[in-house]
Structure formats: structure tokens, C-alpha cells
Amino acid sequence: MAIIDYPITTNFHEKDWFHPNPHTGIDLAVPLFTPIISQDSGIVELRVDKWLGNNIRLKLENGDVIVYGHLSKFEVYDGQHINENQLIGLTGGDPNLLNQGHTSGAHIHISQYHNGQLVNPHDYLFNHEDIIGNNSSPFIFPIMLIILFIITWKFRRAFAYSIAIILGLFVIFIVS
């Protein structure tokens, strides 16, 4: 399971009892020691600070920087060039572990910098071409249309409903 498959607990710029200032990234409720796989290639910078604890700053080839915070373990070294889909670390966030930063429980924090400015990492995480995509077969839609036409032919009374369903499926297919 990828880290993006886990629920978001704090959104970008959200404020709550634990984040009195606008939150600088997205927190995902990921269990301890979950592998973190890079979505892009880039150069690694390892850091430890009081807010994010063990964290990786990955400088992408387009100049953006992705920050992975509250790690329990690094699986890369400082200055290393990593490739897309490479293991870079394990999630942490447990306040009982060393170097976890400002945290109340297991999770991962992701931030993104574009042209040196903090931006919402949501699109990078959830609209990434290599991670999220239409994995359905290109034959599903035509097969569905053929089945609906057969049903329409067999049950002519439901013709209007079938046409509405076909148009709806066509719109869904085009939009996705």
C-alpha cells in the first residue's frame, strides 16, 4: 500500500489544536515503519530538526523540493541521487522514538517547495502520473456499450433508460 492510500489527518494550511499556525504540508495517518517510495528522481538531503525530526528533502529535477518528515529510518544517504520508485525511508511520527520532531502519533508529513515558496503538495501526491492513473482496460467501455445495446434491443421498453445510461457512461469515460 502506498502512503497516499492512507487518510489525510491534516491538510495544507489547516489549523487545529496541534497546529496553531497554518500547517506547512499534508499529514497522512501512515503506520510506523511503512516504506516510503519516491515518486520522482532527485538529490537527497537528510536533516534532523525539532519540528519534522528525521526528514528527507528531495530536490527534483524540475527544481521543486519535496520534504518527507517524521521518519523512523533513512534508507538513503545525504547527497545521493535516487531514482523514481526507490525506497527512501520508513515512516515514523511516534513520540516515543528518537528524532521524531513535533508529533503526537505515527504519520508522515509531506511538504512541497516550488521556486522556493511553500505550496500545497496535494497535486504532487495525488495527481502524480506514475502513481495515480486510469488503470482500467481500454476495452471495458466498448464492452459496456455493446452489453447496453444488447439489453436495449432485447427490452425495447427500456430504450430511454438505456440511452440515458449510455450517455452517462460516455460522459464519465470522457471526463476520467
C-alpha atoms as a PDB file:
ATOM      1  CA  MET A   1       0.000   0.000   0.000  1.00  0.00           C
ATOM      2  CA  ALA A   2       1.409   3.413  -0.956  1.00  0.00           C
ATOM      3  CA  ILE A   3       1.468   6.242   1.578  1.00  0.00           C
ATOM      4  CA  ILE A   4      -1.148   8.107  -0.486  1.00  0.00           C
ATOM      5  CA  ASP A   5      -3.611   5.289   0.197  1.00  0.00           C
ATOM      6  CA  TYR A   6      -3.810   6.333   3.865  1.00  0.00           C
ATOM      7  CA  PRO A   7      -6.163   9.052   5.160  1.00  0.00           C
ATOM      8  CA  ILE A   8      -5.155  12.699   5.402  1.00  0.00           C
ATOM      9  CA  THR A   9      -5.213  13.856   9.022  1.00  0.00           C
ATOM     10  CA  THR A  10      -4.125  17.469   8.472  1.00  0.00           C
ATOM     11  CA  ASN A  11      -4.357  19.424   5.230  1.00  0.00           C
ATOM     12  CA  PHE A  12      -2.126  22.187   3.915  1.00  0.00           C
ATOM     13  CA  HIS A  13      -2.633  25.485   5.810  1.00  0.00           C
ATOM     14  CA  GLU A  14      -5.102  23.838   8.200  1.00  0.00           C
ATOM     15  CA  LYS A  15      -5.114  24.997  11.821  1.00  0.00           C
ATOM     16  CA  ASP A  16      -6.133  22.841  14.772  1.00  0.00           C
ATOM     17  CA  TRP A  17      -5.225  22.304  18.419  1.00  0.00           C
ATOM     18  CA  PHE A  18      -1.873  20.795  17.419  1.00  0.00           C
ATOM     19  CA  HIS A  19      -1.151  23.260  14.583  1.00  0.00           C
ATOM     20  CA  PRO A  20      -1.972  26.787  15.825  1.00  0.00           C
ATOM     21  CA  ASN A  21      -0.158  28.205  12.780  1.00  0.00           C
ATOM     22  CA  PRO A  22      -1.062  27.274   9.194  1.00  0.00           C
ATOM     23  CA  HIS A  23       0.162  23.730   8.536  1.00  0.00           C
ATOM     24  CA  THR A  24       3.090  23.620   6.081  1.00  0.00           C
ATOM     25  CA  GLY A  25       2.143  20.385   4.352  1.00  0.00           C
ATOM     26  CA  ILE A  26      -0.113  17.359   4.423  1.00  0.00           C
ATOM     27  CA  ASP A  27      -0.097  14.738   7.183  1.00  0.00           C
ATOM     28  CA  LEU A  28      -1.118  11.179   6.340  1.00  0.00           C
ATOM     29  CA  ALA A  29      -2.023   8.617   9.024  1.00  0.00           C
ATOM     30  CA  VAL A  30       0.517   6.014   7.964  1.00  0.00           C
ATOM     31  CA  PRO A  31       1.519   3.207  10.362  1.00  0.00           C
ATOM     32  CA  LEU A  32       5.015   3.118  11.809  1.00  0.00           C
ATOM     33  CA  PHE A  33       7.766   1.661   9.636  1.00  0.00           C
ATOM     34  CA  THR A  34       5.778   1.847   6.378  1.00  0.00           C
ATOM     35  CA  PRO A  35       8.156   2.054   3.378  1.00  0.00           C
ATOM     36  CA  ILE A  36       8.311   5.411   1.619  1.00  0.00           C
ATOM     37  CA  ILE A  37       8.834   5.100  -2.125  1.00  0.00           C
ATOM     38  CA  SER A  38       9.953   8.158  -4.102  1.00  0.00           C
ATOM     39  CA  GLN A  39       7.601   9.354  -6.799  1.00  0.00           C
ATOM     40  CA  ASP A  40      10.410  11.085  -8.698  1.00  0.00           C
ATOM     41  CA  SER A  41      14.146  11.053  -9.097  1.00  0.00           C
ATOM     42  CA  GLY A  42      16.274  13.688  -7.429  1.00  0.00           C
ATOM     43  CA  ILE A  43      19.038  14.518  -4.966  1.00  0.00           C
ATOM     44  CA  VAL A  44      18.597  13.637  -1.285  1.00  0.00           C
ATOM     45  CA  GLU A  45      19.366  15.927   1.631  1.00  0.00           C
ATOM     46  CA  LEU A  46      18.999  14.341   5.074  1.00  0.00           C
ATOM     47  CA  ARG A  47      18.021  16.558   8.002  1.00  0.00           C
ATOM     48  CA  VAL A  48      17.041  16.340  11.642  1.00  0.00           C
ATOM     49  CA  ASP A  49      15.184  19.242  13.253  1.00  0.00           C
ATOM     50  CA  LYS A  50      12.864  19.887  16.180  1.00  0.00           C
ATOM     51  CA  TRP A  51       9.694  20.193  14.052  1.00  0.00           C
ATOM     52  CA  LEU A  52       9.983  17.385  11.495  1.00  0.00           C
ATOM     53  CA  GLY A  53      12.534  15.210  13.282  1.00  0.00           C
ATOM     54  CA  ASN A  54      14.289  12.908  10.809  1.00  0.00           C
ATOM     55  CA  ASN A  55      13.361  14.248   7.393  1.00  0.00           C
ATOM     56  CA  ILE A  56      14.367  13.987   3.771  1.00  0.00           C
ATOM     57  CA  ARG A  57      14.440  16.926   1.396  1.00  0.00           C
ATOM     58  CA  LEU A  58      14.326  15.564  -2.139  1.00  0.00           C
ATOM     59  CA  LYS A  59      15.342  18.097  -4.794  1.00  0.00           C
ATOM     60  CA  LEU A  60      13.584  17.119  -8.004  1.00  0.00           C
ATOM     61  CA  GLU A  61      14.977  17.664 -11.489  1.00  0.00           C
ATOM     62  CA  ASN A  62      12.414  20.455 -12.084  1.00  0.00           C
ATOM     63  CA  GLY A  63      13.793  22.340  -9.046  1.00  0.00           C
ATOM     64  CA  ASP A  64      10.899  21.560  -6.685  1.00  0.00           C
ATOM     65  CA  VAL A  65      11.746  20.216  -3.244  1.00  0.00           C
ATOM     66  CA  ILE A  66       9.617  17.526  -1.587  1.00  0.00           C
ATOM     67  CA  VAL A  67      10.031  17.127   2.179  1.00  0.00           C
ATOM     68  CA  TYR A  68       9.206  13.843   3.921  1.00  0.00           C
ATOM     69  CA  GLY A  69       9.040  14.424   7.687  1.00  0.00           C
ATOM     70  CA  HIS A  70       8.868  12.331  10.883  1.00  0.00           C
ATOM     71  CA  LEU A  71      10.833   9.353   9.561  1.00  0.00           C
ATOM     72  CA  SER A  72      11.888   6.444  11.727  1.00  0.00           C
ATOM     73  CA  LYS A  73      14.710   5.410   9.401  1.00  0.00           C
ATOM     74  CA  PHE A  74      16.622   6.710   6.387  1.00  0.00           C
ATOM     75  CA  GLU A  75      17.230   4.218   3.564  1.00  0.00           C
ATOM     76  CA  VAL A  76      19.331   6.675   1.515  1.00  0.00           C
ATOM     77  CA  TYR A  77      22.375   8.806   2.252  1.00  0.00           C
ATOM     78  CA  ASP A  78      22.965  12.547   2.082  1.00  0.00           C
ATOM     79  CA  GLY A  79      23.763  13.758  -1.443  1.00  0.00           C
ATOM     80  CA  GLN A  80      22.587  10.522  -3.078  1.00  0.00           C
ATOM     81  CA  HIS A  81      20.878  10.690  -6.459  1.00  0.00           C
ATOM     82  CA  ILE A  82      17.808   8.489  -6.264  1.00  0.00           C
ATOM     83  CA  ASN A  83      15.506   7.176  -8.941  1.00  0.00           C
ATOM     84  CA  GLU A  84      11.756   7.128  -9.187  1.00  0.00           C
ATOM     85  CA  ASN A  85      10.127   4.247  -7.240  1.00  0.00           C
ATOM     86  CA  GLN A  86      13.130   3.855  -4.936  1.00  0.00           C
ATOM     87  CA  LEU A  87      12.832   3.130  -1.204  1.00  0.00           C
ATOM     88  CA  ILE A  88      13.969   6.258   0.648  1.00  0.00           C
ATOM     89  CA  GLY A  89      12.923   5.634   4.254  1.00  0.00           C
ATOM     90  CA  LEU A  90      10.419   4.334   6.750  1.00  0.00           C
ATOM     91  CA  THR A  91       7.611   6.318   8.328  1.00  0.00           C
ATOM     92  CA  GLY A  92       7.725   7.349  11.955  1.00  0.00           C
ATOM     93  CA  GLY A  93       5.991  10.030  13.952  1.00  0.00           C
ATOM     94  CA  ASP A  94       5.841   8.074  17.197  1.00  0.00           C
ATOM     95  CA  PRO A  95       6.759  10.489  20.015  1.00  0.00           C
ATOM     96  CA  ASN A  96       8.432   7.578  21.839  1.00  0.00           C
ATOM     97  CA  LEU A  97      11.086   7.211  19.115  1.00  0.00           C
ATOM     98  CA  LEU A  98      14.178   9.418  18.864  1.00  0.00           C
ATOM     99  CA  ASN A  99      14.293  12.355  16.439  1.00  0.00           C
ATOM    100  CA  GLN A 100      10.589  12.333  15.529  1.00  0.00           C
ATOM    101  CA  GLY A 101      10.031  16.080  15.863  1.00  0.00           C
ATOM    102  CA  HIS A 102       6.801  17.775  16.946  1.00  0.00           C
ATOM    103  CA  THR A 103       4.356  14.874  16.722  1.00  0.00           C
ATOM    104  CA  SER A 104       1.530  13.213  18.603  1.00  0.00           C
ATOM    105  CA  GLY A 105       1.451   9.881  16.773  1.00  0.00           C
ATOM    106  CA  ALA A 106       2.524   7.790  13.809  1.00  0.00           C
ATOM    107  CA  HIS A 107       2.174   9.616  10.488  1.00  0.00           C
ATOM    108  CA  ILE A 108       4.143  11.169   7.664  1.00  0.00           C
ATOM    109  CA  HIS A 109       4.355  14.868   6.849  1.00  0.00           C
ATOM    110  CA  ILE A 110       4.829  15.920   3.214  1.00  0.00           C
ATOM    111  CA  SER A 111       5.680  19.484   2.119  1.00  0.00           C
ATOM    112  CA  GLN A 112       6.487  20.907  -1.302  1.00  0.00           C
ATOM    113  CA  TYR A 113       8.503  23.956  -2.321  1.00  0.00           C
ATOM    114  CA  HIS A 114       8.150  25.408  -5.814  1.00  0.00           C
ATOM    115  CA  ASN A 115      10.565  28.216  -6.754  1.00  0.00           C
ATOM    116  CA  GLY A 116      11.495  28.410  -3.074  1.00  0.00           C
ATOM    117  CA  GLN A 117       7.894  29.006  -1.994  1.00  0.00           C
ATOM    118  CA  LEU A 118       5.849  26.612   0.109  1.00  0.00           C
ATOM    119  CA  VAL A 119       2.944  25.237  -1.953  1.00  0.00           C
ATOM    120  CA  ASN A 120       0.192  22.699  -1.371  1.00  0.00           C
ATOM    121  CA  PRO A 121       1.651  19.214  -2.075  1.00  0.00           C
ATOM    122  CA  HIS A 122      -1.785  17.698  -2.763  1.00  0.00           C
ATOM    123  CA  ASP A 123      -1.493  17.751  -6.565  1.00  0.00           C
ATOM    124  CA  TYR A 124       2.043  16.367  -6.466  1.00  0.00           C
ATOM    125  CA  LEU A 125       0.984  13.490  -4.218  1.00  0.00           C
ATOM    126  CA  PHE A 126      -2.407  12.578  -5.621  1.00  0.00           C
ATOM    127  CA  ASN A 127      -2.214  13.569  -9.289  1.00  0.00           C
ATOM    128  CA  HIS A 128       1.195  12.136  -9.988  1.00  0.00           C
ATOM    129  CA  GLU A 129       1.147  10.398 -13.382  1.00  0.00           C
ATOM    130  CA  ASP A 130       3.196   7.401 -12.257  1.00  0.00           C
ATOM    131  CA  ILE A 131       1.257   6.746  -9.069  1.00  0.00           C
ATOM    132  CA  ILE A 132      -2.308   7.715  -9.910  1.00  0.00           C
ATOM    133  CA  GLY A 133      -3.798   6.976 -13.267  1.00  0.00           C
ATOM    134  CA  ASN A 134      -6.567   5.297 -15.127  1.00  0.00           C
ATOM    135  CA  ASN A 135      -5.620   1.657 -14.758  1.00  0.00           C
ATOM    136  CA  SER A 136      -8.760   0.330 -16.400  1.00  0.00           C
ATOM    137  CA  SER A 137      -8.570  -1.647 -19.585  1.00  0.00           C
ATOM    138  CA  PRO A 138      -9.303   0.334 -22.774  1.00  0.00           C
ATOM    139  CA  PHE A 139     -11.743  -2.422 -23.738  1.00  0.00           C
ATOM    140  CA  ILE A 140     -14.071  -2.018 -20.750  1.00  0.00           C
ATOM    141  CA  PHE A 141     -16.006   0.953 -22.133  1.00  0.00           C
ATOM    142  CA  PRO A 142     -16.713  -0.575 -25.589  1.00  0.00           C
ATOM    143  CA  ILE A 143     -17.734  -3.859 -23.964  1.00  0.00           C
ATOM    144  CA  MET A 144     -20.099  -1.994 -21.641  1.00  0.00           C
ATOM    145  CA  LEU A 145     -21.632  -0.191 -24.637  1.00  0.00           C
ATOM    146  CA  ILE A 146     -22.168  -3.462 -26.506  1.00  0.00           C
ATOM    147  CA  ILE A 147     -23.874  -5.016 -23.479  1.00  0.00           C
ATOM    148  CA  LEU A 148     -26.117  -1.977 -23.076  1.00  0.00           C
ATOM    149  CA  PHE A 149     -27.067  -2.038 -26.766  1.00  0.00           C
ATOM    150  CA  ILE A 150     -27.957  -5.744 -26.471  1.00  0.00           C
ATOM    151  CA  ILE A 151     -30.107  -5.005 -23.406  1.00  0.00           C
ATOM    152  CA  THR A 152     -31.732  -2.101 -25.251  1.00  0.00           C
ATOM    153  CA  TRP A 153     -32.504  -4.279 -28.266  1.00  0.00           C
ATOM    154  CA  LYS A 154     -33.921  -7.079 -26.119  1.00  0.00           C
ATOM    155  CA  PHE A 155     -36.019  -4.821 -23.873  1.00  0.00           C
ATOM    156  CA  ARG A 156     -37.205  -2.013 -26.148  1.00  0.00           C
ATOM    157  CA  ARG A 157     -39.433  -0.613 -23.414  1.00  0.00           C
ATOM    158  CA  ALA A 158     -36.334   0.454 -21.508  1.00  0.00           C
ATOM    159  CA  PHE A 159     -34.890   2.247 -24.548  1.00  0.00           C
ATOM    160  CA  ALA A 160     -34.937   5.736 -22.977  1.00  0.00           C
ATOM    161  CA  TYR A 161     -33.287   4.474 -19.806  1.00  0.00           C
ATOM    162  CA  SER A 162     -30.612   2.654 -21.785  1.00  0.00           C
ATOM    163  CA  ILE A 163     -29.820   5.750 -23.847  1.00  0.00           C
ATOM    164  CA  ALA A 164     -29.519   7.812 -20.636  1.00  0.00           C
ATOM    165  CA  ILE A 165     -27.187   5.205 -19.120  1.00  0.00           C
ATOM    166  CA  ILE A 166     -25.077   5.076 -22.283  1.00  0.00           C
ATOM    167  CA  LEU A 167     -24.744   8.865 -22.370  1.00  0.00           C
ATOM    168  CA  GLY A 168     -23.866   8.930 -18.673  1.00  0.00           C
ATOM    169  CA  LEU A 169     -21.177   6.294 -19.114  1.00  0.00           C
ATOM    170  CA  PHE A 170     -19.827   8.146 -22.130  1.00  0.00           C
ATOM    171  CA  VAL A 171     -19.533  11.376 -20.113  1.00  0.00           C
ATOM    172  CA  ILE A 172     -17.826   9.528 -17.232  1.00  0.00           C
ATOM    173  CA  PHE A 173     -15.408   7.884 -19.663  1.00  0.00           C
ATOM    174  CA  ILE A 174     -14.534  11.221 -21.319  1.00  0.00           C
ATOM    175  CA  VAL A 175     -14.078  13.049 -18.006  1.00  0.00           C
ATOM    176  CA  SER A 176     -11.866  10.347 -16.500  1.00  0.00           C
END
